[in-house]
C-alpha atoms as a PDB file:
ATOM      1  CA  MET A   1      14.639  -4.945  16.803  1.00  0.00           C
ATOM      2  CA  SER A   2      13.056  -7.923  14.882  1.00  0.00           C
ATOM      3  CA  ASN A   3      11.021  -7.375  11.987  1.00  0.00           C
ATOM      4  CA  ASP A   4       8.225  -7.500  13.700  1.00  0.00           C
ATOM      5  CA  GLU A   5       9.259  -4.519  16.415  1.00  0.00           C
ATOM      6  CA  LEU A   6      10.284  -2.528  13.780  1.00  0.00           C
ATOM      7  CA  LYS A   7       7.017  -2.285  11.844  1.00  0.00           C
ATOM      8  CA  ARG A   8       4.981  -2.768  15.184  1.00  0.00           C
ATOM      9  CA  ALA A   9       7.250   0.419  16.839  1.00  0.00           C
ATOM     10  CA  VAL A  10       6.597   2.798  13.465  1.00  0.00           C
ATOM     11  CA  ALA A  11       2.913   1.291  13.368  1.00  0.00           C
ATOM     12  CA  GLU A  12       2.559   3.150  17.048  1.00  0.00           C
ATOM     13  CA  LYS A  13       4.033   6.399  16.294  1.00  0.00           C
ATOM     14  CA  ALA A  14       1.718   6.610  13.000  1.00  0.00           C
ATOM     15  CA  VAL A  15      -1.854   5.731  15.228  1.00  0.00           C
ATOM     16  CA  ASN A  16      -0.332   8.131  18.071  1.00  0.00           C
ATOM     17  CA  GLU A  17       0.544  10.867  15.927  1.00  0.00           C
ATOM     18  CA  TYR A  18      -1.367  11.367  13.057  1.00  0.00           C
ATOM     19  CA  ILE A  19      -4.715   9.716  14.103  1.00  0.00           C
ATOM     20  CA  LYS A  20      -7.530  12.666  16.660  1.00  0.00           C
ATOM     21  CA  ASN A  21     -10.613  12.119  17.027  1.00  0.00           C
ATOM     22  CA  GLY A  22     -12.912  12.619  14.821  1.00  0.00           C
ATOM     23  CA  MET A  23     -11.128  11.865  11.261  1.00  0.00           C
ATOM     24  CA  ILE A  24     -11.955   9.568   9.205  1.00  0.00           C
ATOM     25  CA  VAL A  25      -8.957   7.079   8.613  1.00  0.00           C
ATOM     26  CA  GLY A  26      -7.760   4.455   5.401  1.00  0.00           C
ATOM     27  CA  LEU A  27      -6.901   1.719   6.827  1.00  0.00           C
ATOM     28  CA  GLY A  28      -3.829  -0.093   4.595  1.00  0.00           C
ATOM     29  CA  THR A  29      -3.321  -4.080   3.816  1.00  0.00           C
ATOM     30  CA  GLY A  30      -0.148  -4.808   4.872  1.00  0.00           C
ATOM     31  CA  SER A  31       1.533  -7.151   7.973  1.00  0.00           C
ATOM     32  CA  THR A  32       2.736  -3.033   8.910  1.00  0.00           C
ATOM     33  CA  ALA A  33      -0.839  -1.874   8.410  1.00  0.00           C
ATOM     34  CA  TYR A  34      -1.635  -4.567  10.515  1.00  0.00           C
ATOM     35  CA  TYR A  35      -0.205  -3.275  14.124  1.00  0.00           C
ATOM     36  CA  ALA A  36      -1.671   0.245  13.092  1.00  0.00           C
ATOM     37  CA  ILE A  37      -4.951  -1.282  12.614  1.00  0.00           C
ATOM     38  CA  LYS A  38      -4.552  -2.850  15.888  1.00  0.00           C
ATOM     39  CA  ARG A  39      -2.996  -0.049  17.622  1.00  0.00           C
ATOM     40  CA  LEU A  40      -6.112   2.023  15.988  1.00  0.00           C
ATOM     41  CA  GLY A  41      -8.777   0.232  17.725  1.00  0.00           C
ATOM     42  CA  GLU A  42      -6.380  -0.287  20.943  1.00  0.00           C
ATOM     43  CA  ARG A  43      -6.317   3.648  20.743  1.00  0.00           C
ATOM     44  CA  VAL A  44     -10.634   3.642  20.236  1.00  0.00           C
ATOM     45  CA  LYS A  45     -11.157   1.738  23.136  1.00  0.00           C
ATOM     46  CA  GLU A  46      -9.051   3.261  25.406  1.00  0.00           C
ATOM     47  CA  GLU A  47      -9.972   6.332  24.784  1.00  0.00           C
ATOM     48  CA  GLY A  48     -13.546   5.972  23.280  1.00  0.00           C
ATOM     49  CA  LEU A  49     -12.336   7.516  20.069  1.00  0.00           C
ATOM     50  CA  ASP A  50     -15.486   8.710  17.346  1.00  0.00           C
ATOM     51  CA  ILE A  51     -13.596   7.293  13.866  1.00  0.00           C
ATOM     52  CA  THR A  52     -14.862   6.271  10.926  1.00  0.00           C
ATOM     53  CA  CYS A  53     -12.429   4.106   9.025  1.00  0.00           C
ATOM     54  CA  THR A  54     -12.465   2.577   5.106  1.00  0.00           C
ATOM     55  CA  ALA A  55     -10.389   0.265   4.069  1.00  0.00           C
ATOM     56  CA  THR A  56      -7.876  -0.922   1.280  1.00  0.00           C
ATOM     57  CA  SER A  57      -9.218  -4.592   0.945  1.00  0.00           C
ATOM     58  CA  VAL A  58     -11.639  -6.983   2.245  1.00  0.00           C
ATOM     59  CA  ARG A  59      -8.990  -8.568   4.725  1.00  0.00           C
ATOM     60  CA  SER A  60      -7.856  -5.202   6.453  1.00  0.00           C
ATOM     61  CA  GLU A  61     -11.803  -4.474   6.327  1.00  0.00           C
ATOM     62  CA  GLU A  62     -12.233  -8.125   8.125  1.00  0.00           C
ATOM     63  CA  LEU A  63      -9.465  -7.007  10.784  1.00  0.00           C
ATOM     64  CA  ALA A  64     -10.477  -3.398  11.680  1.00  0.00           C
ATOM     65  CA  LYS A  65     -14.091  -5.141  11.982  1.00  0.00           C
ATOM     66  CA  GLU A  66     -12.723  -7.067  14.964  1.00  0.00           C
ATOM     67  CA  PHE A  67     -10.831  -4.672  16.557  1.00  0.00           C
ATOM     68  CA  GLY A  68     -13.657  -3.137  17.062  1.00  0.00           C
ATOM     69  CA  LEU A  69     -13.656  -0.588  14.797  1.00  0.00           C
ATOM     70  CA  VAL A  70     -16.358   0.992  12.494  1.00  0.00           C
ATOM     71  CA  VAL A  71     -16.032   0.733   8.855  1.00  0.00           C
ATOM     72  CA  LEU A  72     -17.537   2.018   5.809  1.00  0.00           C
ATOM     73  CA  ASP A  73     -17.581   1.353   1.637  1.00  0.00           C
ATOM     74  CA  VAL A  74     -15.423   4.118   0.602  1.00  0.00           C
ATOM     75  CA  ASP A  75     -18.302   5.533  -1.345  1.00  0.00           C
ATOM     76  CA  ASP A  76     -20.303   6.016   2.250  1.00  0.00           C
ATOM     77  CA  VAL A  77     -17.310   8.681   3.260  1.00  0.00           C
ATOM     78  CA  THR A  78     -17.581  12.077   2.383  1.00  0.00           C
ATOM     79  CA  HIS A  79     -13.546  12.793   2.666  1.00  0.00           C
ATOM     80  CA  ILE A  80     -10.883  10.948   4.126  1.00  0.00           C
ATOM     81  CA  ASP A  81      -8.573  12.579   6.499  1.00  0.00           C
ATOM     82  CA  VAL A  82      -4.992  10.218   6.781  1.00  0.00           C
ATOM     83  CA  THR A  83      -4.875   6.878   5.454  1.00  0.00           C
ATOM     84  CA  ILE A  84      -1.721   4.766   7.304  1.00  0.00           C
ATOM     85  CA  ASP A  85      -0.163   1.788   4.453  1.00  0.00           C
ATOM     86  CA  GLY A  86       2.830   0.276   4.217  1.00  0.00           C
ATOM     87  CA  ALA A  87       4.721   0.372   1.048  1.00  0.00           C
ATOM     88  CA  ASP A  88       7.589  -2.902  -0.618  1.00  0.00           C
ATOM     89  CA  GLU A  89      10.070   0.538  -1.609  1.00  0.00           C
ATOM     90  CA  VAL A  90       9.888   4.651  -1.147  1.00  0.00           C
ATOM     91  CA  ASP A  91      12.718   6.372  -2.524  1.00  0.00           C
ATOM     92  CA  PRO A  92      14.659   9.484  -1.724  1.00  0.00           C
ATOM     93  CA  ASN A  93      11.738  11.768  -2.987  1.00  0.00           C
ATOM     94  CA  MET A  94       9.436   8.936  -1.169  1.00  0.00           C
ATOM     95  CA  GLN A  95       7.933   7.747  -4.772  1.00  0.00           C
ATOM     96  CA  LEU A  96       6.648   4.602  -3.733  1.00  0.00           C
ATOM     97  CA  ILE A  97       6.443   0.830  -4.777  1.00  0.00           C
ATOM     98  CA  LYS A  98       2.902  -0.429  -3.164  1.00  0.00           C
ATOM     99  CA  GLY A  99       0.984  -4.018  -3.996  1.00  0.00           C
ATOM    100  CA  LEU A 100       2.803  -6.871  -2.932  1.00  0.00           C
ATOM    101  CA  GLY A 101       0.066  -6.843  -0.720  1.00  0.00           C
ATOM    102  CA  GLY A 102      -2.222  -7.772  -3.830  1.00  0.00           C
ATOM    103  CA  ALA A 103      -4.206  -4.694  -2.689  1.00  0.00           C
ATOM    104  CA  LEU A 104      -3.061  -1.741  -5.178  1.00  0.00           C
ATOM    105  CA  LEU A 105      -6.075  -0.396  -7.001  1.00  0.00           C
ATOM    106  CA  ARG A 106      -8.188  -0.310  -3.571  1.00  0.00           C
ATOM    107  CA  GLU A 107      -4.810   1.732  -2.379  1.00  0.00           C
ATOM    108  CA  LYS A 108      -4.805   3.420  -4.548  1.00  0.00           C
ATOM    109  CA  ILE A 109      -7.918   4.576  -4.381  1.00  0.00           C
ATOM    110  CA  VAL A 110      -8.307   5.436  -0.869  1.00  0.00           C
ATOM    111  CA  ALA A 111      -4.670   6.920  -1.471  1.00  0.00           C
ATOM    112  CA  ALA A 112      -6.532   9.626  -4.060  1.00  0.00           C
ATOM    113  CA  ALA A 113      -9.615  10.666  -1.500  1.00  0.00           C
ATOM    114  CA  SER A 114      -7.154  11.178   0.877  1.00  0.00           C
ATOM    115  CA  GLN A 115      -6.315  14.426   2.349  1.00  0.00           C
ATOM    116  CA  SER A 116      -3.042  12.753   4.346  1.00  0.00           C
ATOM    117  CA  GLU A 117      -1.194   9.249   3.528  1.00  0.00           C
ATOM    118  CA  VAL A 118       0.900   8.110   5.886  1.00  0.00           C
ATOM    119  CA  ILE A 119       3.424   5.612   5.281  1.00  0.00           C
ATOM    120  CA  ILE A 120       4.771   3.529   7.440  1.00  0.00           C
ATOM    121  CA  VAL A 121       7.905   1.419   6.485  1.00  0.00           C
ATOM    122  CA  ASP A 122      11.202  -0.058   7.642  1.00  0.00           C
ATOM    123  CA  GLU A 123      14.595   0.847   6.773  1.00  0.00           C
ATOM    124  CA  SER A 124      15.166  -2.226   4.604  1.00  0.00           C
ATOM    125  CA  LYS A 125      12.420  -0.736   2.446  1.00  0.00           C
ATOM    126  CA  LEU A 126      14.381   2.553   1.650  1.00  0.00           C
ATOM    127  CA  VAL A 127      16.031   2.603  -1.804  1.00  0.00           C
ATOM    128  CA  GLU A 128      17.979   5.143  -3.865  1.00  0.00           C
ATOM    129  CA  VAL A 129      15.789   4.141  -6.878  1.00  0.00           C
ATOM    130  CA  LEU A 130      12.577   1.870  -7.579  1.00  0.00           C
ATOM    131  CA  GLY A 131      12.675  -0.768  -8.769  1.00  0.00           C
ATOM    132  CA  THR A 132      15.843  -2.531  -7.318  1.00  0.00           C
ATOM    133  CA  LYS A 133      14.545  -4.950  -5.163  1.00  0.00           C
ATOM    134  CA  CYS A 134      11.355  -5.777  -5.619  1.00  0.00           C
ATOM    135  CA  PRO A 135       8.783  -6.386  -8.997  1.00  0.00           C
ATOM    136  CA  LEU A 136       6.455  -3.578  -9.980  1.00  0.00           C
ATOM    137  CA  PRO A 137       3.357  -5.218  -9.501  1.00  0.00           C
ATOM    138  CA  VAL A 138       0.178  -4.375 -12.229  1.00  0.00           C
ATOM    139  CA  GLU A 139      -2.983  -5.515 -11.539  1.00  0.00           C
ATOM    140  CA  VAL A 140      -4.656  -6.732 -14.746  1.00  0.00           C
ATOM    141  CA  LEU A 141      -7.626  -7.963 -16.766  1.00  0.00           C
ATOM    142  CA  ARG A 142      -7.664 -11.792 -16.188  1.00  0.00           C
ATOM    143  CA  PHE A 143      -9.060 -11.754 -19.721  1.00  0.00           C
ATOM    144  CA  GLY A 144      -6.611 -11.722 -23.036  1.00  0.00           C
ATOM    145  CA  HIS A 145      -4.195 -11.347 -19.833  1.00  0.00           C
ATOM    146  CA  LYS A 146      -1.497 -12.819 -21.933  1.00  0.00           C
ATOM    147  CA  LYS A 147      -1.259 -10.328 -24.088  1.00  0.00           C
ATOM    148  CA  THR A 148      -1.315  -7.928 -21.348  1.00  0.00           C
ATOM    149  CA  LYS A 149       1.509  -9.397 -20.235  1.00  0.00           C
ATOM    150  CA  TYR A 150       3.693  -9.725 -24.005  1.00  0.00           C
ATOM    151  CA  ALA A 151       2.668  -5.797 -23.680  1.00  0.00           C
ATOM    152  CA  LEU A 152       3.878  -5.334 -20.664  1.00  0.00           C
ATOM    153  CA  LYS A 153       6.917  -7.726 -21.087  1.00  0.00           C
ATOM    154  CA  LEU A 154       8.175  -4.591 -24.305  1.00  0.00           C
ATOM    155  CA  GLN A 155       8.439  -1.990 -21.291  1.00  0.00           C
ATOM    156  CA  GLY A 156      11.641  -3.918 -20.757  1.00  0.00           C
ATOM    157  CA  CYS A 157      10.498  -6.105 -17.578  1.00  0.00           C
ATOM    158  CA  ASP A 158      10.482 -10.117 -16.949  1.00  0.00           C
ATOM    159  CA  ALA A 159       6.214 -10.227 -15.977  1.00  0.00           C
ATOM    160  CA  LYS A 160       5.697 -13.138 -14.035  1.00  0.00           C
ATOM    161  CA  LEU A 161       1.988 -13.888 -13.161  1.00  0.00           C
ATOM    162  CA  ARG A 162       1.912 -13.714  -9.603  1.00  0.00           C
ATOM    163  CA  MET A 163       0.479 -17.058  -7.958  1.00  0.00           C
ATOM    164  CA  GLY A 164      -1.439 -18.297  -4.752  1.00  0.00           C
ATOM    165  CA  ALA A 165      -0.476 -20.542  -2.109  1.00  0.00           C
ATOM    166  CA  ASP A 166      -2.987 -22.798  -3.739  1.00  0.00           C
ATOM    167  CA  GLY A 167      -0.872 -22.862  -7.233  1.00  0.00           C
ATOM    168  CA  GLU A 168      -3.524 -21.365  -9.036  1.00  0.00           C
ATOM    169  CA  PRO A 169      -3.306 -17.232 -10.367  1.00  0.00           C
ATOM    170  CA  PHE A 170      -3.809 -15.531  -7.351  1.00  0.00           C
ATOM    171  CA  VAL A 171      -7.034 -13.575  -7.696  1.00  0.00           C
ATOM    172  CA  THR A 172      -7.836 -10.261  -5.943  1.00  0.00           C
ATOM    173  CA  ASP A 173     -10.249  -8.350  -4.354  1.00  0.00           C
ATOM    174  CA  ASN A 174     -11.656  -6.951  -7.550  1.00  0.00           C
ATOM    175  CA  GLY A 175     -11.727 -10.325  -9.719  1.00  0.00           C
ATOM    176  CA  ASN A 176      -8.071  -9.768 -11.089  1.00  0.00           C
ATOM    177  CA  TYR A 177      -5.309 -11.171 -11.910  1.00  0.00           C
ATOM    178  CA  ILE A 178      -1.372  -9.211 -11.234  1.00  0.00           C
ATOM    179  CA  TYR A 179       1.620  -9.787 -12.690  1.00  0.00           C
ATOM    180  CA  ASP A 180       4.961  -9.800 -10.583  1.00  0.00           C
ATOM    181  CA  CYS A 181       7.008  -7.111 -13.530  1.00  0.00           C
ATOM    182  CA  GLU A 182      11.275  -7.214 -12.550  1.00  0.00           C
ATOM    183  CA  PHE A 183      13.204  -3.920 -13.762  1.00  0.00           C
ATOM    184  CA  GLU A 184      16.977  -4.119 -13.241  1.00  0.00           C
ATOM    185  CA  SER A 185      16.002  -0.359 -12.534  1.00  0.00           C
ATOM    186  CA  ILE A 186      13.104   2.216 -12.654  1.00  0.00           C
ATOM    187  CA  GLN A 187      14.852   4.957 -13.668  1.00  0.00           C
ATOM    188  CA  ASN A 188      12.003   6.969 -13.985  1.00  0.00           C
ATOM    189  CA  PRO A 189       8.761   6.138 -13.035  1.00  0.00           C
ATOM    190  CA  PHE A 190       6.558   9.422 -14.371  1.00  0.00           C
ATOM    191  CA  PHE A 191       7.226   7.675 -17.353  1.00  0.00           C
ATOM    192  CA  LEU A 192       7.023   3.997 -16.640  1.00  0.00           C
ATOM    193  CA  GLU A 193       4.333   4.763 -15.058  1.00  0.00           C
ATOM    194  CA  SER A 194       2.052   6.085 -17.919  1.00  0.00           C
ATOM    195  CA  ARG A 195       3.891   3.212 -20.566  1.00  0.00           C
ATOM    196  CA  ILE A 196       2.047   0.833 -18.564  1.00  0.00           C
ATOM    197  CA  ASN A 197      -0.942   2.314 -18.267  1.00  0.00           C
ATOM    198  CA  VAL A 198      -2.179   2.739 -22.012  1.00  0.00           C
ATOM    199  CA  ILE A 199      -2.035  -0.832 -22.412  1.00  0.00           C
ATOM    200  CA  PRO A 200      -4.786  -2.568 -22.805  1.00  0.00           C
ATOM    201  CA  GLY A 201      -6.138  -5.152 -20.139  1.00  0.00           C
ATOM    202  CA  THR A 202      -4.053  -2.892 -17.709  1.00  0.00           C
ATOM    203  CA  VAL A 203      -5.687  -2.386 -14.481  1.00  0.00           C
ATOM    204  CA  ASP A 204      -3.686  -0.415 -12.682  1.00  0.00           C
ATOM    205  CA  ASN A 205       0.254  -0.164 -11.316  1.00  0.00           C
ATOM    206  CA  GLY A 206       2.057  -0.170  -7.896  1.00  0.00           C
ATOM    207  CA  LEU A 207       3.711   2.892  -8.902  1.00  0.00           C
ATOM    208  CA  PHE A 208       2.676   5.068  -6.063  1.00  0.00           C
ATOM    209  CA  LEU A 209       4.071   9.018  -7.512  1.00  0.00           C
ATOM    210  CA  ASN A 210       3.353  11.984  -5.302  1.00  0.00           C
ATOM    211  CA  THR A 211       1.147   9.960  -2.454  1.00  0.00           C
ATOM    212  CA  ALA A 212       3.288  10.019   0.360  1.00  0.00           C
ATOM    213  CA  THR A 213       3.003  12.666   2.342  1.00  0.00           C
ATOM    214  CA  THR A 214       5.034  11.626   5.357  1.00  0.00           C
ATOM    215  CA  VAL A 215       7.077   8.186   5.363  1.00  0.00           C
ATOM    216  CA  LEU A 216       7.742   7.269   8.991  1.00  0.00           C
ATOM    217  CA  VAL A 217      10.605   4.470   8.992  1.00  0.00           C
ATOM    218  CA  SER A 218      11.805   2.856  11.444  1.00  0.00           C
ATOM    219  CA  HIS A 219      15.495   1.578  12.600  1.00  0.00           C
ATOM    220  CA  LYS A 220      17.193  -1.460  13.641  1.00  0.00           C
ATOM    221  CA  ASP A 221      18.708   1.296  16.618  1.00  0.00           C
ATOM    222  CA  GLY A 222      15.275   2.112  17.886  1.00  0.00           C
ATOM    223  CA  THR A 223      14.957   5.630  16.175  1.00  0.00           C
ATOM    224  CA  ILE A 224      11.982   6.059  13.745  1.00  0.00           C
ATOM    225  CA  THR A 225      13.060   8.891  11.437  1.00  0.00           C
ATOM    226  CA  LYS A 226      10.360  10.792   8.953  1.00  0.00           C
ATOM    227  CA  MET A 227      10.636  12.372   5.180  1.00  0.00           C
ATOM    228  CA  GLY A 228       7.490  15.011   4.660  1.00  0.00           C
ATOM    229  CA  GLN A 229       5.334  16.506   6.914  1.00  0.00           C
END
């Protein structure tokens, strides 16, 4: 199976099994979440489901509306039954790194408000130790961001300002910058999370710890395995 086929298969399984009529659904961001949003739109159209959504990014909101979904601001929903989202790394304890898509802050806010967080990934995202395949994204204020970078580097990483396709610094939906922090590995993610989040100028980081209730993993042999509930 190709990478796109792996992403589509696991996204469709999540939407088919975890979304029920009448739910308020959080929509993730990224290439795998795209297929979940698309499938949800198909189910609403085909089955006449009464579904309300809230999105983790401007792009996901736009996609959802294109697929005929009703999208409200996160502050305009009473609760979120389930959020379906991707991840950049998943360790054996279902701890995550997210944020390569640039939406980590909104993803974390929506995840925290969700009764259930279903993470959908292909097998390439599985790691034994976080930080070994991808950098840790950290969203920072633009004001004084070079000072924030210096403090991030003191945590033992190589912090690189994320750049956009136009050659200018990437700007999040919240108007902030992102530093991608490359560690050899993250042996104590809970400690690192607290160290990073007390740095002045840091908004939040891409460690999603004790967040996922379920992780669905698609494999090249066509199977999909489940971690958690």
